[in-house]
């Protein structure tokens, strides 16, 4: 007498289908996670860019303050307040000349 086992072939197909469904579900969750990570990275980069722009604006304001303080009127006022005297013929200390490495 021969016993037929019709469910054995179906069992292998069912396992393959279950594996494919599990792979698809895992793939969907991985794609959602990857999209969220990409969006978060974009937001973080925009935040860092805004902070860099704020630092640049502060640097520009500081540079403008320095330039304004070095104007002729402000400089002469600072010199007068500190009792400094303008030297028309300054004497500079000598510095040794550097040798150039390449001679043609």
N, C-alpha and C. Protein backbone atom coordinates (compact mmCIF):
# COMPACT_ATOMS: atom_id res chain seq x y z
N UNK A 1 0.83 -1.15 0.00
CA UNK A 1 0.00 0.00 0.00
C UNK A 1 0.90 1.25 0.00
N UNK A 2 0.52 2.25 -0.77
CA UNK A 2 1.31 3.47 -0.93
C UNK A 2 0.62 4.61 -0.20
N UNK A 3 1.41 5.29 0.59
CA UNK A 3 0.88 6.46 1.29
C UNK A 3 1.29 7.73 0.54
N UNK A 4 0.35 8.53 0.22
CA UNK A 4 0.63 9.80 -0.44
C UNK A 4 0.73 10.90 0.63
N UNK A 5 1.68 11.71 0.44
CA UNK A 5 1.84 12.83 1.38
C UNK A 5 1.72 14.15 0.60
N UNK A 6 0.50 14.54 0.32
CA UNK A 6 0.31 15.75 -0.49
C UNK A 6 0.70 17.04 0.26
N UNK A 7 0.71 17.01 1.55
CA UNK A 7 1.01 18.23 2.32
C UNK A 7 2.51 18.53 2.40
N UNK A 8 3.35 17.57 2.06
CA UNK A 8 4.78 17.80 2.17
C UNK A 8 5.23 18.87 1.17
N UNK A 9 4.80 18.83 -0.07
CA UNK A 9 5.15 19.83 -1.07
C UNK A 9 4.53 21.17 -0.67
N UNK A 10 3.33 21.18 -0.20
CA UNK A 10 2.67 22.41 0.24
C UNK A 10 3.37 23.03 1.43
N UNK A 11 3.94 22.24 2.30
CA UNK A 11 4.65 22.74 3.47
C UNK A 11 5.88 23.52 3.06
N UNK A 12 6.60 23.05 2.06
CA UNK A 12 7.80 23.75 1.58
C UNK A 12 7.40 25.09 0.95
N UNK A 13 6.35 25.08 0.15
CA UNK A 13 5.87 26.31 -0.50
C UNK A 13 5.39 27.30 0.56
N UNK A 14 4.69 26.79 1.57
CA UNK A 14 4.21 27.68 2.64
C UNK A 14 5.38 28.31 3.39
N UNK A 15 6.44 27.55 3.63
CA UNK A 15 7.61 28.10 4.32
C UNK A 15 8.31 29.17 3.47
N UNK A 16 8.39 28.92 2.17
CA UNK A 16 9.01 29.91 1.28
C UNK A 16 8.17 31.18 1.25
N UNK A 17 6.85 31.04 1.15
CA UNK A 17 5.98 32.21 1.15
C UNK A 17 6.05 32.96 2.48
N UNK A 18 6.09 32.24 3.58
CA UNK A 18 6.20 32.89 4.89
C UNK A 18 7.52 33.65 5.01
N UNK A 19 8.60 33.06 4.49
CA UNK A 19 9.90 33.75 4.51
C UNK A 19 9.87 35.01 3.66
N UNK A 20 9.23 34.95 2.47
CA UNK A 20 9.13 36.13 1.62
C UNK A 20 8.28 37.23 2.27
N UNK A 21 7.19 36.84 2.90
CA UNK A 21 6.34 37.82 3.59
C UNK A 21 7.12 38.46 4.74
N UNK A 22 7.84 37.67 5.51
CA UNK A 22 8.64 38.21 6.62
C UNK A 22 9.72 39.16 6.08
N UNK A 23 10.36 38.77 4.96
CA UNK A 23 11.38 39.64 4.37
C UNK A 23 10.77 40.95 3.89
N UNK A 24 9.58 40.90 3.32
CA UNK A 24 8.91 42.12 2.87
C UNK A 24 8.53 43.02 4.04
N UNK A 25 8.02 42.44 5.10
CA UNK A 25 7.65 43.23 6.29
C UNK A 25 8.89 43.87 6.89
N UNK A 26 9.96 43.11 7.03
CA UNK A 26 11.22 43.66 7.57
C UNK A 26 11.75 44.75 6.64
N UNK A 27 11.64 44.53 5.32
CA UNK A 27 12.07 45.53 4.35
C UNK A 27 11.28 46.83 4.46
N UNK A 28 9.96 46.71 4.67
CA UNK A 28 9.13 47.92 4.82
C UNK A 28 9.54 48.68 6.06
N UNK A 29 9.73 47.99 7.18
CA UNK A 29 10.15 48.69 8.40
C UNK A 29 11.54 49.31 8.23
N UNK A 30 12.43 48.62 7.53
CA UNK A 30 13.76 49.17 7.29
C UNK A 30 13.69 50.42 6.43
N UNK A 31 12.83 50.43 5.42
CA UNK A 31 12.69 51.61 4.56
C UNK A 31 12.09 52.79 5.33
N UNK A 32 11.13 52.52 6.19
CA UNK A 32 10.54 53.60 7.00
C UNK A 32 11.60 54.16 7.94
N UNK A 33 12.38 53.28 8.57
CA UNK A 33 13.45 53.75 9.47
C UNK A 33 14.48 54.58 8.70
N UNK A 34 14.86 54.12 7.51
CA UNK A 34 15.84 54.83 6.70
C UNK A 34 15.30 56.20 6.27
N UNK A 35 14.03 56.28 5.92
CA UNK A 35 13.43 57.56 5.55
C UNK A 35 13.42 58.51 6.75
N UNK A 36 13.04 58.01 7.92
CA UNK A 36 13.05 58.85 9.12
C UNK A 36 14.46 59.33 9.45
N UNK A 37 15.46 58.46 9.30
CA UNK A 37 16.83 58.86 9.57
C UNK A 37 17.29 59.94 8.59
N UNK A 38 16.89 59.81 7.33
CA UNK A 38 17.26 60.80 6.32
C UNK A 38 16.61 62.15 6.62
N UNK A 39 15.35 62.14 6.99
CA UNK A 39 14.64 63.38 7.32
C UNK A 39 15.25 64.03 8.55
N UNK A 40 15.57 63.23 9.57
CA UNK A 40 16.20 63.77 10.77
C UNK A 40 17.56 64.37 10.46
N UNK A 41 18.32 63.73 9.57
CA UNK A 41 19.62 64.26 9.16
C UNK A 41 19.45 65.61 8.46
N UNK A 42 18.43 65.73 7.61
CA UNK A 42 18.16 67.00 6.94
C UNK A 42 17.81 68.09 7.94
N UNK A 43 17.01 67.76 8.95
CA UNK A 43 16.65 68.75 9.98
C UNK A 43 17.87 69.14 10.80
N UNK A 44 18.70 68.16 11.15
CA UNK A 44 19.91 68.47 11.92
C UNK A 44 20.87 69.35 11.12
N UNK A 45 21.01 69.08 9.83
CA UNK A 45 21.88 69.91 8.99
C UNK A 45 21.33 71.33 8.88
N UNK A 46 20.01 71.47 8.77
CA UNK A 46 19.43 72.81 8.71
C UNK A 46 19.65 73.56 10.02
N UNK A 47 19.58 72.85 11.13
CA UNK A 47 19.82 73.48 12.43
C UNK A 47 21.27 73.93 12.55
N UNK A 48 22.20 73.08 12.13
CA UNK A 48 23.62 73.44 12.19
C UNK A 48 23.91 74.61 11.25
N UNK A 49 23.27 74.62 10.08
CA UNK A 49 23.46 75.72 9.14
C UNK A 49 22.94 77.02 9.73
N UNK A 50 21.81 76.98 10.42
CA UNK A 50 21.27 78.18 11.06
C UNK A 50 22.21 78.68 12.16
N UNK A 51 22.79 77.75 12.93
CA UNK A 51 23.74 78.15 13.96
C UNK A 51 24.99 78.77 13.34
N UNK A 52 25.46 78.20 12.23
CA UNK A 52 26.63 78.76 11.55
C UNK A 52 26.33 80.14 11.00
N UNK A 53 25.12 80.34 10.48
CA UNK A 53 24.74 81.66 9.99
C UNK A 53 24.68 82.67 11.13
N UNK A 54 24.19 82.24 12.30
CA UNK A 54 24.14 83.14 13.45
C UNK A 54 25.56 83.51 13.90
N UNK A 55 26.46 82.54 13.90
CA UNK A 55 27.85 82.82 14.26
C UNK A 55 28.48 83.76 13.24
N UNK A 56 28.17 83.56 11.96
CA UNK A 56 28.68 84.46 10.93
C UNK A 56 28.16 85.87 11.10
N UNK A 57 26.89 86.01 11.49
CA UNK A 57 26.33 87.34 11.72
C UNK A 57 27.01 88.01 12.91
N UNK A 58 27.27 87.23 13.97
CA UNK A 58 27.98 87.79 15.12
C UNK A 58 29.39 88.21 14.74
N UNK A 59 30.05 87.41 13.92
CA UNK A 59 31.40 87.73 13.47
C UNK A 59 31.40 89.00 12.64
N UNK A 60 30.41 89.15 11.78
CA UNK A 60 30.31 90.36 10.96
C UNK A 60 30.08 91.58 11.82
N UNK A 61 29.21 91.44 12.81
CA UNK A 61 28.95 92.57 13.71
C UNK A 61 30.21 92.93 14.49
N UNK A 62 30.96 91.93 14.93
CA UNK A 62 32.21 92.18 15.66
C UNK A 62 33.23 92.86 14.76
N UNK A 63 33.34 92.39 13.52
CA UNK A 63 34.27 93.02 12.58
C UNK A 63 33.87 94.46 12.30
N UNK A 64 32.58 94.72 12.17
CA UNK A 64 32.13 96.10 11.96
C UNK A 64 32.47 96.97 13.15
N UNK A 65 32.35 96.43 14.36
CA UNK A 65 32.70 97.19 15.56
C UNK A 65 34.19 97.51 15.56
N UNK A 66 35.01 96.56 15.17
CA UNK A 66 36.46 96.79 15.12
C UNK A 66 36.79 97.86 14.10
N UNK A 67 36.18 97.78 12.91
CA UNK A 67 36.46 98.76 11.87
C UNK A 67 36.00 100.15 12.31
N UNK A 68 34.86 100.23 12.97
CA UNK A 68 34.37 101.52 13.45
C UNK A 68 35.30 102.07 14.52
N UNK A 69 35.83 101.21 15.37
CA UNK A 69 36.71 101.70 16.43
C UNK A 69 38.06 102.13 15.88
N UNK A 70 38.43 101.65 14.71
CA UNK A 70 39.70 102.03 14.11
C UNK A 70 39.57 103.20 13.14
N UNK A 71 38.40 103.82 13.08
CA UNK A 71 38.25 104.99 12.21
C UNK A 71 39.11 106.13 12.74
N UNK A 72 39.36 107.11 11.93
CA UNK A 72 40.28 108.19 12.28
C UNK A 72 39.81 108.97 13.50
N UNK A 73 38.53 109.28 13.57
CA UNK A 73 38.02 110.06 14.70
C UNK A 73 38.10 109.27 16.00
N UNK A 74 37.69 108.01 15.96
CA UNK A 74 37.73 107.18 17.17
C UNK A 74 39.16 106.93 17.60
N UNK A 75 40.06 106.73 16.63
CA UNK A 75 41.45 106.46 16.95
C UNK A 75 42.12 107.68 17.58
N UNK A 76 41.83 108.86 17.04
CA UNK A 76 42.42 110.08 17.62
C UNK A 76 41.86 110.34 19.01
N UNK A 77 40.60 110.01 19.24
CA UNK A 77 40.01 110.17 20.58
C UNK A 77 40.67 109.21 21.56
N UNK A 78 40.90 107.95 21.14
CA UNK A 78 41.54 106.98 22.02
C UNK A 78 42.98 107.39 22.31
N UNK A 79 43.67 107.92 21.32
CA UNK A 79 45.05 108.37 21.52
C UNK A 79 45.08 109.53 22.50
N UNK A 80 44.16 110.48 22.37
CA UNK A 80 44.12 111.64 23.26
C UNK A 80 43.76 111.23 24.68
N UNK A 81 42.87 110.27 24.82
CA UNK A 81 42.46 109.83 26.16
C UNK A 81 43.59 109.12 26.89
N UNK A 82 44.43 108.38 26.15
CA UNK A 82 45.52 107.65 26.78
C UNK A 82 46.80 108.46 26.87
N UNK A 83 46.79 109.67 26.35
CA UNK A 83 47.97 110.52 26.43
C UNK A 83 49.08 110.07 25.51
N UNK A 84 48.74 109.43 24.40
CA UNK A 84 49.75 108.98 23.46
C UNK A 84 50.11 110.10 22.50
N UNK A 85 51.28 109.99 21.90
CA UNK A 85 51.76 111.00 20.96
C UNK A 85 52.02 110.32 19.63
N UNK A 86 51.61 110.95 18.55
CA UNK A 86 51.86 110.41 17.23
C UNK A 86 53.32 110.62 16.87
N UNK A 87 53.97 109.60 16.41
CA UNK A 87 55.38 109.67 16.05
C UNK A 87 55.47 109.76 14.53
N UNK A 88 56.01 110.87 14.04
CA UNK A 88 56.11 111.05 12.59
C UNK A 88 57.26 110.26 11.99
N UNK A 89 58.30 109.99 12.76
CA UNK A 89 59.47 109.24 12.27
C UNK A 89 59.73 108.04 13.19
N UNK A 90 58.96 106.99 13.05
CA UNK A 90 59.15 105.84 13.94
C UNK A 90 60.46 105.12 13.64
N UNK A 91 61.05 104.56 14.68
CA UNK A 91 62.27 103.78 14.53
C UNK A 91 61.92 102.31 14.71
N UNK A 92 62.20 101.56 13.69
CA UNK A 92 61.89 100.14 13.72
C UNK A 92 63.14 99.35 14.06
N UNK A 93 62.98 98.24 14.77
CA UNK A 93 64.13 97.40 15.09
C UNK A 93 64.46 96.53 13.89
N UNK A 94 65.74 96.28 13.67
CA UNK A 94 66.12 95.48 12.49
C UNK A 94 65.78 94.01 12.70
N UNK A 95 65.36 93.38 11.64
CA UNK A 95 65.05 91.95 11.66
C UNK A 95 66.00 91.25 10.69
N UNK A 96 66.48 90.07 11.06
CA UNK A 96 67.38 89.35 10.14
C UNK A 96 66.62 88.93 8.89
N UNK A 97 67.33 88.99 7.76
CA UNK A 97 66.71 88.59 6.50
C UNK A 97 66.67 87.08 6.40
N UNK A 98 65.58 86.57 5.87
CA UNK A 98 65.46 85.13 5.71
C UNK A 98 66.07 84.74 4.37
N UNK A 99 66.71 83.61 4.38
CA UNK A 99 67.30 83.09 3.14
C UNK A 99 66.22 82.38 2.35
N UNK A 100 66.21 82.61 1.05
CA UNK A 100 65.25 81.95 0.19
C UNK A 100 65.78 80.57 -0.14
N UNK A 101 64.93 79.59 -0.08
CA UNK A 101 65.36 78.20 -0.23
C UNK A 101 65.74 77.88 -1.67
N UNK A 102 65.07 78.47 -2.64
CA UNK A 102 65.38 78.11 -4.02
C UNK A 102 66.02 79.30 -4.74
N UNK A 103 67.13 79.04 -5.36
CA UNK A 103 67.82 80.05 -6.15
C UNK A 103 67.84 79.53 -7.60
N UNK A 104 67.40 80.35 -8.52
CA UNK A 104 67.37 79.91 -9.91
C UNK A 104 68.63 80.29 -10.61
